[in-house]
Amino acid sequence: MLRICLAFVLLVPGLTHAAERLTGRVDVIDADTWDVGGVRVRLHGIDAPELEQICQDSNGSSWPCGAWVTHMVQEQFQGRMTTCVPLDRDRYGRIVARCSVEHEDAAAQIVEQGLAFAYRKYSDAYAGAERVARIGNRGLHKTQIRVPWVHRARKKPKSSETCLIKGNVSSKGEKIFHAPGQRYYAKTRISAAKGERWFCSAAEARAAGWRATRR
């Protein structure tokens, strides 16, 4: 069961009382994103490969490193009780938190095992743990890997001269496409994280499950 010591932490945007605790069983979504008693939590200060990310081993052969690190974190933490200290809320609505399992910092363990990287853009807290993993040639440090934040940046969809239709996902989850000249075209931004994309034609958009905007 989930125990939240201060309910408004989950209800109010912007966490102002970071010392409150969130306690529950871990459901691993991927190596750095968990559900804790049904609440989506992004582990603070680390970044792991995307679930679909591919790496190369020392022989240059491709292998699914994103799926592998997720599996390794599931093996270690799935179903265990964790206590998390909320620090912030990210743009996707997830609580950013520092989580411990049996009084040990979970993120530190993940990074020390070479299953994720210190996310220095937001924190240097795990730089030392990453150094330990790198020196020990552990996990991902044995491979040729594009760090997750670079991987995400490079896979962002871009428009071309012919693919100008914007496939947007609304706040209600509706898939709506906008063509040049329509009312909200210029204001619409494409987010790969939300499953949004560019299309080359209205027919392609409809075939993929999007409908035309009514404006």
N, C-alpha and C. Protein backbone atom coordinates (compact mmCIF):
# COMPACT_ATOMS: atom_id res chain seq x y z
N MET A 1 0.83 -1.20 0.00
CA MET A 1 0.00 0.00 0.00
C MET A 1 0.87 1.24 0.00
N LEU A 2 0.27 2.29 -0.53
CA LEU A 2 0.98 3.56 -0.63
C LEU A 2 0.71 4.40 0.60
N ARG A 3 1.76 4.97 1.16
CA ARG A 3 1.59 5.90 2.25
C ARG A 3 2.23 7.22 1.86
N ILE A 4 1.43 8.29 1.83
CA ILE A 4 1.93 9.62 1.51
C ILE A 4 1.73 10.47 2.74
N CYS A 5 2.84 10.97 3.29
CA CYS A 5 2.76 11.68 4.55
C CYS A 5 2.16 13.06 4.42
N LEU A 6 2.15 13.59 3.22
CA LEU A 6 1.55 14.90 3.02
C LEU A 6 0.90 14.91 1.65
N ALA A 7 -0.44 14.80 1.60
CA ALA A 7 -1.13 14.59 0.34
C ALA A 7 -0.92 15.73 -0.64
N PHE A 8 -0.80 16.96 -0.15
CA PHE A 8 -0.72 18.06 -1.10
C PHE A 8 0.56 18.05 -1.91
N VAL A 9 1.56 17.26 -1.51
CA VAL A 9 2.78 17.13 -2.31
C VAL A 9 2.43 16.66 -3.71
N LEU A 10 1.43 15.77 -3.82
CA LEU A 10 1.05 15.23 -5.11
C LEU A 10 0.02 16.09 -5.84
N LEU A 11 -0.60 17.02 -5.14
CA LEU A 11 -1.69 17.78 -5.73
C LEU A 11 -1.30 19.17 -6.18
N VAL A 12 -0.30 19.73 -5.55
CA VAL A 12 0.06 21.10 -5.83
C VAL A 12 1.29 21.16 -6.72
N PRO A 13 1.24 21.87 -7.86
CA PRO A 13 2.41 21.99 -8.71
C PRO A 13 3.53 22.70 -7.96
N GLY A 14 4.76 22.20 -8.11
CA GLY A 14 5.89 22.83 -7.43
C GLY A 14 5.94 22.35 -6.00
N LEU A 15 6.86 21.47 -5.70
CA LEU A 15 6.92 20.89 -4.37
C LEU A 15 7.68 21.82 -3.44
N THR A 16 7.01 22.36 -2.44
CA THR A 16 7.64 23.33 -1.56
C THR A 16 8.11 22.72 -0.25
N HIS A 17 7.66 21.49 0.04
CA HIS A 17 8.06 20.83 1.28
C HIS A 17 8.79 19.54 0.91
N ALA A 18 10.04 19.67 0.50
CA ALA A 18 10.78 18.54 -0.05
C ALA A 18 11.09 17.45 0.97
N ALA A 19 10.92 17.74 2.27
CA ALA A 19 11.30 16.77 3.30
C ALA A 19 10.25 15.67 3.48
N GLU A 20 9.05 15.83 2.91
CA GLU A 20 8.01 14.83 3.09
C GLU A 20 8.37 13.55 2.33
N ARG A 21 7.76 12.44 2.74
CA ARG A 21 8.12 11.13 2.21
C ARG A 21 6.99 10.50 1.41
N LEU A 22 7.37 9.71 0.43
CA LEU A 22 6.46 8.91 -0.36
C LEU A 22 6.94 7.47 -0.23
N THR A 23 6.07 6.59 0.27
CA THR A 23 6.48 5.21 0.52
C THR A 23 5.55 4.24 -0.19
N GLY A 24 6.11 3.23 -0.82
CA GLY A 24 5.29 2.22 -1.50
C GLY A 24 6.16 1.17 -2.16
N ARG A 25 5.52 0.22 -2.83
CA ARG A 25 6.26 -0.83 -3.54
C ARG A 25 6.69 -0.32 -4.92
N VAL A 26 7.84 -0.79 -5.35
CA VAL A 26 8.42 -0.35 -6.62
C VAL A 26 7.86 -1.16 -7.78
N ASP A 27 7.43 -0.44 -8.82
CA ASP A 27 7.14 -1.05 -10.11
C ASP A 27 8.06 -0.35 -11.11
N VAL A 28 9.05 -1.07 -11.62
CA VAL A 28 10.06 -0.46 -12.49
C VAL A 28 9.48 -0.25 -13.89
N ILE A 29 9.41 1.00 -14.33
CA ILE A 29 8.98 1.32 -15.69
C ILE A 29 10.18 1.25 -16.61
N ASP A 30 11.24 1.93 -16.24
CA ASP A 30 12.56 1.74 -16.84
C ASP A 30 13.58 2.04 -15.75
N ALA A 31 14.85 2.05 -16.09
CA ALA A 31 15.87 2.09 -15.05
C ALA A 31 15.82 3.33 -14.17
N ASP A 32 15.36 4.46 -14.71
CA ASP A 32 15.32 5.68 -13.90
C ASP A 32 13.91 6.21 -13.66
N THR A 33 12.90 5.45 -14.03
CA THR A 33 11.51 5.85 -13.82
C THR A 33 10.75 4.70 -13.17
N TRP A 34 10.17 4.96 -12.01
CA TRP A 34 9.44 3.94 -11.26
C TRP A 34 8.03 4.42 -10.97
N ASP A 35 7.13 3.45 -10.74
CA ASP A 35 5.87 3.73 -10.07
C ASP A 35 6.07 3.31 -8.61
N VAL A 36 5.76 4.20 -7.71
CA VAL A 36 5.87 3.91 -6.28
C VAL A 36 4.46 3.94 -5.70
N GLY A 37 3.90 2.77 -5.47
CA GLY A 37 2.52 2.70 -5.00
C GLY A 37 1.54 3.35 -5.96
N GLY A 38 1.86 3.32 -7.26
CA GLY A 38 0.96 3.91 -8.26
C GLY A 38 1.28 5.34 -8.63
N VAL A 39 2.28 5.93 -8.01
CA VAL A 39 2.69 7.30 -8.31
C VAL A 39 3.96 7.27 -9.16
N ARG A 40 3.94 7.96 -10.31
CA ARG A 40 5.09 7.95 -11.21
C ARG A 40 6.22 8.81 -10.65
N VAL A 41 7.40 8.21 -10.52
CA VAL A 41 8.57 8.87 -9.92
C VAL A 41 9.76 8.80 -10.88
N ARG A 42 10.40 9.92 -11.08
CA ARG A 42 11.65 9.99 -11.86
C ARG A 42 12.80 10.12 -10.86
N LEU A 43 13.73 9.17 -10.87
CA LEU A 43 14.84 9.19 -9.93
C LEU A 43 15.72 10.41 -10.19
N HIS A 44 15.97 11.16 -9.14
CA HIS A 44 16.73 12.41 -9.24
C HIS A 44 18.20 12.15 -9.54
N GLY A 45 18.76 12.96 -10.44
CA GLY A 45 20.20 13.01 -10.62
C GLY A 45 20.84 11.93 -11.47
N ILE A 46 20.03 11.05 -12.08
CA ILE A 46 20.60 10.01 -12.94
C ILE A 46 19.84 9.96 -14.26
N ASP A 47 20.47 9.37 -15.27
CA ASP A 47 19.83 9.21 -16.57
C ASP A 47 20.26 7.87 -17.14
N ALA A 48 19.29 7.03 -17.49
CA ALA A 48 19.56 5.69 -18.01
C ALA A 48 19.17 5.63 -19.48
N PRO A 49 19.71 4.67 -20.23
CA PRO A 49 19.34 4.53 -21.64
C PRO A 49 17.83 4.38 -21.82
N GLU A 50 17.33 4.92 -22.92
CA GLU A 50 15.93 4.73 -23.27
C GLU A 50 15.66 3.24 -23.49
N LEU A 51 14.43 2.82 -23.22
CA LEU A 51 14.09 1.40 -23.28
C LEU A 51 14.44 0.79 -24.64
N GLU A 52 14.27 1.57 -25.73
CA GLU A 52 14.51 1.03 -27.07
C GLU A 52 15.94 1.28 -27.54
N GLN A 53 16.79 1.88 -26.69
CA GLN A 53 18.13 2.28 -27.13
C GLN A 53 19.02 1.08 -27.41
N ILE A 54 19.81 1.18 -28.47
CA ILE A 54 20.73 0.13 -28.88
C ILE A 54 22.17 0.60 -28.66
N CYS A 55 23.02 -0.28 -28.16
CA CYS A 55 24.44 0.03 -27.96
C CYS A 55 25.28 -0.96 -28.78
N GLN A 56 26.58 -0.74 -28.75
CA GLN A 56 27.51 -1.68 -29.37
C GLN A 56 28.45 -2.24 -28.31
N ASP A 57 28.72 -3.53 -28.42
CA ASP A 57 29.66 -4.13 -27.47
C ASP A 57 31.09 -3.90 -27.94
N SER A 58 32.06 -4.47 -27.23
CA SER A 58 33.47 -4.25 -27.55
C SER A 58 33.86 -4.78 -28.92
N ASN A 59 33.03 -5.69 -29.47
CA ASN A 59 33.30 -6.23 -30.80
C ASN A 59 32.57 -5.48 -31.90
N GLY A 60 31.81 -4.45 -31.49
CA GLY A 60 31.07 -3.67 -32.47
C GLY A 60 29.70 -4.22 -32.81
N SER A 61 29.28 -5.27 -32.11
CA SER A 61 27.96 -5.86 -32.35
C SER A 61 26.89 -5.10 -31.59
N SER A 62 25.73 -4.92 -32.21
CA SER A 62 24.63 -4.19 -31.58
C SER A 62 23.91 -5.06 -30.56
N TRP A 63 23.45 -4.44 -29.49
CA TRP A 63 22.67 -5.16 -28.49
C TRP A 63 21.73 -4.17 -27.78
N PRO A 64 20.59 -4.65 -27.27
CA PRO A 64 19.56 -3.77 -26.69
C PRO A 64 19.89 -3.33 -25.27
N CYS A 65 20.78 -2.35 -25.14
CA CYS A 65 21.23 -1.94 -23.81
C CYS A 65 20.12 -1.32 -22.98
N GLY A 66 19.16 -0.62 -23.64
CA GLY A 66 18.06 -0.02 -22.89
C GLY A 66 17.20 -1.06 -22.21
N ALA A 67 16.86 -2.11 -22.95
CA ALA A 67 16.07 -3.19 -22.37
C ALA A 67 16.86 -3.93 -21.29
N TRP A 68 18.17 -4.06 -21.50
CA TRP A 68 19.01 -4.77 -20.54
C TRP A 68 19.08 -4.04 -19.20
N VAL A 69 19.33 -2.73 -19.21
CA VAL A 69 19.42 -2.02 -17.93
C VAL A 69 18.07 -2.02 -17.22
N THR A 70 16.97 -1.93 -17.98
CA THR A 70 15.65 -2.00 -17.36
C THR A 70 15.47 -3.35 -16.66
N HIS A 71 15.85 -4.42 -17.35
CA HIS A 71 15.74 -5.76 -16.76
C HIS A 71 16.59 -5.88 -15.49
N MET A 72 17.81 -5.36 -15.54
CA MET A 72 18.70 -5.46 -14.38
C MET A 72 18.14 -4.70 -13.17
N VAL A 73 17.56 -3.54 -13.42
CA VAL A 73 16.97 -2.77 -12.32
C VAL A 73 15.71 -3.46 -11.80
N GLN A 74 14.93 -4.06 -12.71
CA GLN A 74 13.76 -4.83 -12.27
C GLN A 74 14.19 -6.00 -11.38
N GLU A 75 15.23 -6.69 -11.77
CA GLU A 75 15.72 -7.83 -10.99
C GLU A 75 16.09 -7.41 -9.56
N GLN A 76 16.61 -6.21 -9.43
CA GLN A 76 17.09 -5.75 -8.13
C GLN A 76 16.03 -5.09 -7.27
N PHE A 77 15.08 -4.36 -7.91
CA PHE A 77 14.19 -3.52 -7.12
C PHE A 77 12.69 -3.82 -7.26
N GLN A 78 12.28 -4.56 -8.28
CA GLN A 78 10.85 -4.77 -8.52
C GLN A 78 10.15 -5.36 -7.29
N GLY A 79 9.06 -4.71 -6.86
CA GLY A 79 8.25 -5.21 -5.76
C GLY A 79 8.76 -4.90 -4.37
N ARG A 80 9.93 -4.29 -4.27
CA ARG A 80 10.48 -3.97 -2.95
C ARG A 80 9.91 -2.65 -2.44
N MET A 81 9.94 -2.48 -1.14
CA MET A 81 9.47 -1.23 -0.54
C MET A 81 10.54 -0.16 -0.69
N THR A 82 10.10 1.04 -1.04
CA THR A 82 11.01 2.17 -1.15
C THR A 82 10.42 3.38 -0.46
N THR A 83 11.28 4.25 0.01
CA THR A 83 10.87 5.53 0.57
C THR A 83 11.55 6.62 -0.26
N CYS A 84 10.75 7.54 -0.77
CA CYS A 84 11.25 8.59 -1.66
C CYS A 84 11.03 9.97 -1.05
N VAL A 85 12.01 10.83 -1.24
CA VAL A 85 11.91 12.23 -0.83
C VAL A 85 11.66 13.06 -2.09
N PRO A 86 10.45 13.59 -2.29
CA PRO A 86 10.17 14.41 -3.47
C PRO A 86 10.98 15.70 -3.46
N LEU A 87 11.57 16.02 -4.60
CA LEU A 87 12.38 17.23 -4.74
C LEU A 87 11.78 18.23 -5.72
N ASP A 88 11.04 17.72 -6.70
CA ASP A 88 10.54 18.59 -7.76
C ASP A 88 9.48 17.82 -8.54
N ARG A 89 8.93 18.47 -9.55
CA ARG A 89 8.03 17.81 -10.49
C ARG A 89 8.50 18.18 -11.89
N ASP A 90 8.65 17.19 -12.78
CA ASP A 90 9.17 17.51 -14.11
C ASP A 90 8.06 17.90 -15.07
N ARG A 91 8.43 18.21 -16.31
CA ARG A 91 7.45 18.74 -17.27
C ARG A 91 6.43 17.69 -17.71
N TYR A 92 6.69 16.41 -17.41
CA TYR A 92 5.74 15.36 -17.74
C TYR A 92 4.82 15.03 -16.56
N GLY A 93 4.95 15.78 -15.47
CA GLY A 93 4.11 15.57 -14.31
C GLY A 93 4.63 14.55 -13.32
N ARG A 94 5.80 13.98 -13.61
CA ARG A 94 6.38 12.99 -12.69
C ARG A 94 7.02 13.68 -11.49
N ILE A 95 6.94 13.02 -10.34
CA ILE A 95 7.65 13.53 -9.17
C ILE A 95 9.12 13.15 -9.31
N VAL A 96 9.99 14.12 -9.19
CA VAL A 96 11.43 13.87 -9.19
C VAL A 96 11.84 13.68 -7.73
N ALA A 97 12.43 12.53 -7.43
CA ALA A 97 12.67 12.20 -6.02
C ALA A 97 13.96 11.42 -5.84
N ARG A 98 14.45 11.47 -4.62
CA ARG A 98 15.57 10.63 -4.20
C ARG A 98 14.98 9.46 -3.42
N CYS A 99 15.20 8.24 -3.89
CA CYS A 99 14.55 7.07 -3.31
C CYS A 99 15.58 6.13 -2.67
N SER A 100 15.18 5.54 -1.55
CA SER A 100 16.05 4.59 -0.87
C SER A 100 15.31 3.27 -0.67
N VAL A 101 16.06 2.19 -0.71
CA VAL A 101 15.55 0.85 -0.45
C VAL A 101 16.43 0.25 0.64
N GLU A 102 15.79 -0.11 1.76
CA GLU A 102 16.52 -0.59 2.94
C GLU A 102 17.63 0.39 3.32
N HIS A 103 17.27 1.66 3.30
CA HIS A 103 18.13 2.76 3.75
C HIS A 103 19.34 3.01 2.84
N GLU A 104 19.35 2.40 1.65
CA GLU A 104 20.42 2.63 0.68
C GLU A 104 19.87 3.42 -0.50
N ASP A 105 20.63 4.41 -0.96
CA ASP A 105 20.23 5.25 -2.08
C ASP A 105 20.15 4.41 -3.35
N ALA A 106 18.94 4.25 -3.89
CA ALA A 106 18.75 3.38 -5.06
C ALA A 106 19.48 3.92 -6.29
N ALA A 107 19.41 5.21 -6.51
CA ALA A 107 20.06 5.80 -7.69
C ALA A 107 21.57 5.59 -7.64
N ALA A 108 22.16 5.74 -6.46
CA ALA A 108 23.60 5.53 -6.31
C ALA A 108 23.98 4.10 -6.68
N GLN A 109 23.16 3.13 -6.25
CA GLN A 109 23.43 1.73 -6.57
C GLN A 109 23.35 1.49 -8.08
N ILE A 110 22.33 2.08 -8.70
CA ILE A 110 22.14 1.90 -10.15
C ILE A 110 23.33 2.46 -10.92
N VAL A 111 23.79 3.64 -10.54
CA VAL A 111 24.92 4.27 -11.23
C VAL A 111 26.21 3.51 -10.96
N GLU A 112 26.44 3.09 -9.72
CA GLU A 112 27.67 2.36 -9.36
C GLU A 112 27.78 1.03 -10.11
N GLN A 113 26.63 0.45 -10.45
CA GLN A 113 26.64 -0.82 -11.19
C GLN A 113 26.77 -0.60 -12.70
N GLY A 114 26.84 0.66 -13.11
CA GLY A 114 27.00 0.95 -14.54
C GLY A 114 25.71 0.83 -15.33
N LEU A 115 24.57 1.00 -14.66
CA LEU A 115 23.27 0.87 -15.32
C LEU A 115 22.67 2.22 -15.69
N ALA A 116 23.31 3.30 -15.29
CA ALA A 116 22.84 4.65 -15.60
C ALA A 116 24.03 5.60 -15.42
N PHE A 117 23.81 6.85 -15.84
CA PHE A 117 24.85 7.87 -15.74
C PHE A 117 24.42 8.97 -14.79
N ALA A 118 25.40 9.64 -14.21
CA ALA A 118 25.10 10.84 -13.42
C ALA A 118 24.56 11.90 -14.38
N TYR A 119 23.42 12.48 -14.03
CA TYR A 119 22.78 13.48 -14.90
C TYR A 119 23.23 14.85 -14.42
N ARG A 120 24.44 15.24 -14.83
CA ARG A 120 25.07 16.45 -14.30
C ARG A 120 24.34 17.73 -14.68
N LYS A 121 23.48 17.67 -15.67
CA LYS A 121 22.69 18.85 -16.02
C LYS A 121 21.86 19.30 -14.83
N TYR A 122 21.46 18.34 -13.99
CA TYR A 122 20.60 18.65 -12.85
C TYR A 122 21.27 18.44 -11.50
N SER A 123 22.29 17.59 -11.44
CA SER A 123 22.92 17.32 -10.15
C SER A 123 24.27 16.62 -10.35
N ASP A 124 25.23 16.95 -9.49
CA ASP A 124 26.51 16.24 -9.48
C ASP A 124 26.55 15.18 -8.38
N ALA A 125 25.40 14.90 -7.79
CA ALA A 125 25.35 14.01 -6.62
C ALA A 125 25.92 12.62 -6.91
N TYR A 126 25.80 12.15 -8.16
CA TYR A 126 26.22 10.79 -8.46
C TYR A 126 27.45 10.73 -9.36
N ALA A 127 28.16 11.84 -9.47
CA ALA A 127 29.38 11.86 -10.27
C ALA A 127 30.41 10.88 -9.72
N GLY A 128 30.51 10.80 -8.39
CA GLY A 128 31.45 9.87 -7.77
C GLY A 128 31.08 8.42 -8.03
N ALA A 129 29.78 8.12 -7.97
CA ALA A 129 29.31 6.75 -8.24
C ALA A 129 29.60 6.37 -9.69
N GLU A 130 29.43 7.31 -10.60
CA GLU A 130 29.73 7.03 -12.01
C GLU A 130 31.23 6.78 -12.20
N ARG A 131 32.05 7.54 -11.49
CA ARG A 131 33.50 7.35 -11.59
C ARG A 131 33.89 5.94 -11.14
N VAL A 132 33.27 5.47 -10.07
CA VAL A 132 33.53 4.11 -9.58
C VAL A 132 33.18 3.08 -10.65
N ALA A 133 32.03 3.26 -11.30
CA ALA A 133 31.59 2.32 -12.33
C ALA A 133 32.51 2.36 -13.55
N ARG A 134 32.92 3.57 -13.92
CA ARG A 134 33.78 3.72 -15.10
C ARG A 134 35.16 3.09 -14.86
N ILE A 135 35.74 3.36 -13.70
CA ILE A 135 37.05 2.78 -13.38
C ILE A 135 36.97 1.25 -13.30
N GLY A 136 35.85 0.76 -12.77
CA GLY A 136 35.65 -0.68 -12.66
C GLY A 136 35.16 -1.34 -13.93
N ASN A 137 34.96 -0.54 -14.99
CA ASN A 137 34.50 -1.07 -16.28
C ASN A 137 33.20 -1.87 -16.12
N ARG A 138 32.28 -1.31 -15.36
CA ARG A 138 31.03 -2.00 -15.05
C ARG A 138 29.91 -1.64 -16.02
N GLY A 139 29.07 -2.61 -16.29
CA GLY A 139 27.84 -2.37 -17.05
C GLY A 139 28.05 -1.65 -18.36
N LEU A 140 27.39 -0.51 -18.51
CA LEU A 140 27.42 0.26 -19.76
C LEU A 140 28.81 0.78 -20.09
N HIS A 141 29.67 0.86 -19.11
CA HIS A 141 31.01 1.40 -19.35
C HIS A 141 31.90 0.41 -20.11
N LYS A 142 31.41 -0.81 -20.30
CA LYS A 142 32.12 -1.78 -21.14
C LYS A 142 31.73 -1.65 -22.61
N THR A 143 30.75 -0.81 -22.89
CA THR A 143 30.18 -0.75 -24.22
C THR A 143 30.46 0.59 -24.90
N GLN A 144 30.08 0.63 -26.17
CA GLN A 144 30.08 1.89 -26.91
C GLN A 144 28.65 2.41 -26.86
N ILE A 145 28.44 3.45 -26.08
CA ILE A 145 27.08 3.95 -25.88
C ILE A 145 27.02 5.45 -26.06
N ARG A 146 25.96 5.88 -26.70
CA ARG A 146 25.65 7.30 -26.77
C ARG A 146 24.87 7.64 -25.50
N VAL A 147 25.37 8.58 -24.71
CA VAL A 147 24.70 8.87 -23.44
C VAL A 147 23.24 9.25 -23.70
N PRO A 148 22.34 8.92 -22.77
CA PRO A 148 20.90 9.04 -23.02
C PRO A 148 20.44 10.41 -23.49
N TRP A 149 20.98 11.49 -22.90
CA TRP A 149 20.50 12.82 -23.29
C TRP A 149 20.89 13.17 -24.73
N VAL A 150 22.03 12.65 -25.19
CA VAL A 150 22.42 12.86 -26.59
C VAL A 150 21.56 11.99 -27.50
N HIS A 151 21.30 10.76 -27.08
CA HIS A 151 20.44 9.86 -27.86
C HIS A 151 19.06 10.47 -28.07
N ARG A 152 18.48 11.04 -27.02
CA ARG A 152 17.16 11.65 -27.15
C ARG A 152 17.18 12.85 -28.08
N ALA A 153 18.23 13.66 -27.95
CA ALA A 153 18.32 14.85 -28.79
C ALA A 153 18.43 14.48 -30.26
N ARG A 154 19.16 13.42 -30.57
CA ARG A 154 19.38 13.03 -31.96
C ARG A 154 18.18 12.34 -32.59
N LYS A 155 17.32 11.76 -31.76
CA LYS A 155 16.18 11.05 -32.34
C LYS A 155 14.94 11.92 -32.44
N LYS A 156 15.04 13.20 -32.02
CA LYS A 156 13.89 14.08 -32.11
C LYS A 156 13.46 14.22 -33.57
N PRO A 157 12.17 14.12 -33.83
CA PRO A 157 11.72 14.25 -35.22
C PRO A 157 11.92 15.66 -35.73
N LYS A 158 12.29 15.77 -36.98
CA LYS A 158 12.46 17.07 -37.62
C LYS A 158 11.62 17.10 -38.88
N SER A 159 11.13 18.27 -39.19
CA SER A 159 10.36 18.42 -40.42
C SER A 159 11.31 18.47 -41.60
N SER A 160 10.77 18.23 -42.78
CA SER A 160 11.55 18.37 -44.00
C SER A 160 10.76 19.23 -44.95
N GLU A 161 11.27 19.41 -46.16
CA GLU A 161 10.57 20.26 -47.13
C GLU A 161 9.23 19.65 -47.52
N THR A 162 9.10 18.35 -47.40
CA THR A 162 7.86 17.70 -47.83
C THR A 162 7.01 17.20 -46.67
N CYS A 163 7.60 16.99 -45.49
CA CYS A 163 6.85 16.46 -44.35
C CYS A 163 6.58 17.59 -43.36
N LEU A 164 5.49 18.31 -43.57
CA LEU A 164 5.20 19.52 -42.80
C LEU A 164 3.97 19.41 -41.92
N ILE A 165 3.29 18.29 -41.97
CA ILE A 165 2.07 18.12 -41.17
C ILE A 165 2.45 17.69 -39.75
N LYS A 166 1.90 18.39 -38.77
CA LYS A 166 2.25 18.16 -37.37
C LYS A 166 1.22 17.24 -36.70
N GLY A 167 1.68 16.09 -36.25
CA GLY A 167 0.81 15.16 -35.52
C GLY A 167 0.91 15.42 -34.04
N ASN A 168 -0.11 16.04 -33.48
CA ASN A 168 -0.11 16.48 -32.08
C ASN A 168 -0.99 15.55 -31.25
N VAL A 169 -0.64 15.37 -29.97
CA VAL A 169 -1.49 14.63 -29.02
C VAL A 169 -2.03 15.65 -28.03
N SER A 170 -3.35 15.79 -27.98
CA SER A 170 -3.97 16.81 -27.13
C SER A 170 -3.90 16.43 -25.66
N SER A 171 -4.28 17.36 -24.80
CA SER A 171 -4.28 17.10 -23.35
C SER A 171 -5.25 15.99 -22.98
N LYS A 172 -6.23 15.72 -23.84
CA LYS A 172 -7.19 14.64 -23.61
C LYS A 172 -6.74 13.32 -24.25
N GLY A 173 -5.56 13.35 -24.87
CA GLY A 173 -5.04 12.14 -25.49
C GLY A 173 -5.49 11.93 -26.92
N GLU A 174 -6.17 12.91 -27.52
CA GLU A 174 -6.61 12.80 -28.90
C GLU A 174 -5.46 13.07 -29.86
N LYS A 175 -5.38 12.27 -30.92
CA LYS A 175 -4.35 12.46 -31.94
C LYS A 175 -4.92 13.35 -33.05
N ILE A 176 -4.38 14.55 -33.16
CA ILE A 176 -4.90 15.56 -34.09
C ILE A 176 -3.76 16.09 -34.94
N PHE A 177 -3.98 16.20 -36.26
CA PHE A 177 -2.91 16.76 -37.09
C PHE A 177 -3.28 18.14 -37.62
N HIS A 178 -2.23 18.95 -37.78
CA HIS A 178 -2.37 20.33 -38.22
C HIS A 178 -1.54 20.53 -39.48
N ALA A 179 -2.15 21.11 -40.50
CA ALA A 179 -1.46 21.38 -41.76
C ALA A 179 -1.08 22.86 -41.83
N PRO A 180 -0.05 23.20 -42.62
CA PRO A 180 0.34 24.61 -42.76
C PRO A 180 -0.85 25.48 -43.16
N GLY A 181 -0.95 26.64 -42.51
CA GLY A 181 -2.03 27.57 -42.80
C GLY A 181 -3.22 27.44 -41.88
N GLN A 182 -3.30 26.33 -41.14
CA GLN A 182 -4.41 26.18 -40.21
C GLN A 182 -4.15 26.98 -38.93
N ARG A 183 -5.22 27.24 -38.19
CA ARG A 183 -5.20 28.21 -37.11
C ARG A 183 -4.10 27.97 -36.08
N TYR A 184 -3.92 26.73 -35.64
CA TYR A 184 -2.98 26.46 -34.56
C TYR A 184 -1.67 25.84 -35.04
N TYR A 185 -1.45 25.85 -36.34
CA TYR A 185 -0.24 25.22 -36.87
C TYR A 185 1.03 25.81 -36.28
N ALA A 186 1.15 27.12 -36.31
CA ALA A 186 2.39 27.78 -35.87
C ALA A 186 2.65 27.56 -34.38
N LYS A 187 1.57 27.47 -33.59
CA LYS A 187 1.72 27.32 -32.14
C LYS A 187 1.99 25.88 -31.71
N THR A 188 1.70 24.94 -32.59
CA THR A 188 1.84 23.52 -32.24
C THR A 188 3.31 23.10 -32.25
N ARG A 189 3.74 22.47 -31.16
CA ARG A 189 5.10 21.96 -31.05
C ARG A 189 5.06 20.44 -30.98
N ILE A 190 6.05 19.81 -31.59
CA ILE A 190 6.11 18.36 -31.63
C ILE A 190 7.01 17.83 -30.52
N SER A 191 6.48 16.92 -29.70
CA SER A 191 7.24 16.31 -28.61
C SER A 191 7.30 14.80 -28.82
N ALA A 192 8.49 14.29 -29.10
CA ALA A 192 8.65 12.85 -29.30
C ALA A 192 8.29 12.08 -28.04
N ALA A 193 8.53 12.66 -26.87
CA ALA A 193 8.25 11.99 -25.60
C ALA A 193 6.76 11.70 -25.43
N LYS A 194 5.91 12.53 -26.06
CA LYS A 194 4.46 12.34 -25.98
C LYS A 194 3.94 11.48 -27.12
N GLY A 195 4.82 11.02 -28.00
CA GLY A 195 4.39 10.22 -29.13
C GLY A 195 3.98 11.03 -30.34
N GLU A 196 4.32 12.31 -30.34
CA GLU A 196 3.96 13.17 -31.46
C GLU A 196 4.97 13.02 -32.59
N ARG A 197 4.55 13.41 -33.82
CA ARG A 197 5.43 13.19 -34.98
C ARG A 197 5.02 14.06 -36.16
N TRP A 198 5.88 14.06 -37.16
CA TRP A 198 5.60 14.76 -38.42
C TRP A 198 5.06 13.76 -39.44
N PHE A 199 4.19 14.25 -40.34
CA PHE A 199 3.67 13.44 -41.44
C PHE A 199 3.92 14.15 -42.76
N CYS A 200 4.03 13.35 -43.81
CA CYS A 200 4.26 13.92 -45.14
C CYS A 200 2.96 14.19 -45.89
N SER A 201 1.87 13.61 -45.41
CA SER A 201 0.58 13.84 -46.07
C SER A 201 -0.55 13.61 -45.07
N ALA A 202 -1.72 14.16 -45.39
CA ALA A 202 -2.89 13.95 -44.54
C ALA A 202 -3.28 12.48 -44.54
N ALA A 203 -3.12 11.83 -45.69
CA ALA A 203 -3.47 10.41 -45.79
C ALA A 203 -2.59 9.57 -44.87
N GLU A 204 -1.31 9.91 -44.81
CA GLU A 204 -0.39 9.19 -43.93
C GLU A 204 -0.79 9.39 -42.46
N ALA A 205 -1.17 10.62 -42.12
CA ALA A 205 -1.58 10.92 -40.75
C ALA A 205 -2.83 10.14 -40.37
N ARG A 206 -3.82 10.12 -41.26
CA ARG A 206 -5.06 9.39 -40.98
C ARG A 206 -4.79 7.90 -40.85
N ALA A 207 -3.92 7.38 -41.69
CA ALA A 207 -3.60 5.95 -41.64
C ALA A 207 -2.94 5.57 -40.32
N ALA A 208 -2.23 6.53 -39.72
CA ALA A 208 -1.55 6.28 -38.45
C ALA A 208 -2.45 6.51 -37.24
N GLY A 209 -3.71 6.94 -37.50
CA GLY A 209 -4.65 7.11 -36.40
C GLY A 209 -4.91 8.53 -35.96
N TRP A 210 -4.37 9.50 -36.68
CA TRP A 210 -4.62 10.91 -36.36
C TRP A 210 -5.84 11.42 -37.14
N ARG A 211 -6.53 12.40 -36.61
CA ARG A 211 -7.62 13.06 -37.34
C ARG A 211 -7.24 14.51 -37.59
N ALA A 212 -7.88 15.11 -38.57
CA ALA A 212 -7.61 16.51 -38.89
C ALA A 212 -8.19 17.42 -37.82
N THR A 213 -7.51 18.53 -37.56
CA THR A 213 -8.06 19.52 -36.64
C THR A 213 -9.33 20.11 -37.23
N ARG A 214 -10.24 20.53 -36.36
CA ARG A 214 -11.50 21.11 -36.84
C ARG A 214 -11.37 22.60 -37.09
N ARG A 215 -10.17 23.16 -36.83
CA ARG A 215 -9.97 24.60 -37.02
C ARG A 215 -8.78 24.85 -37.92
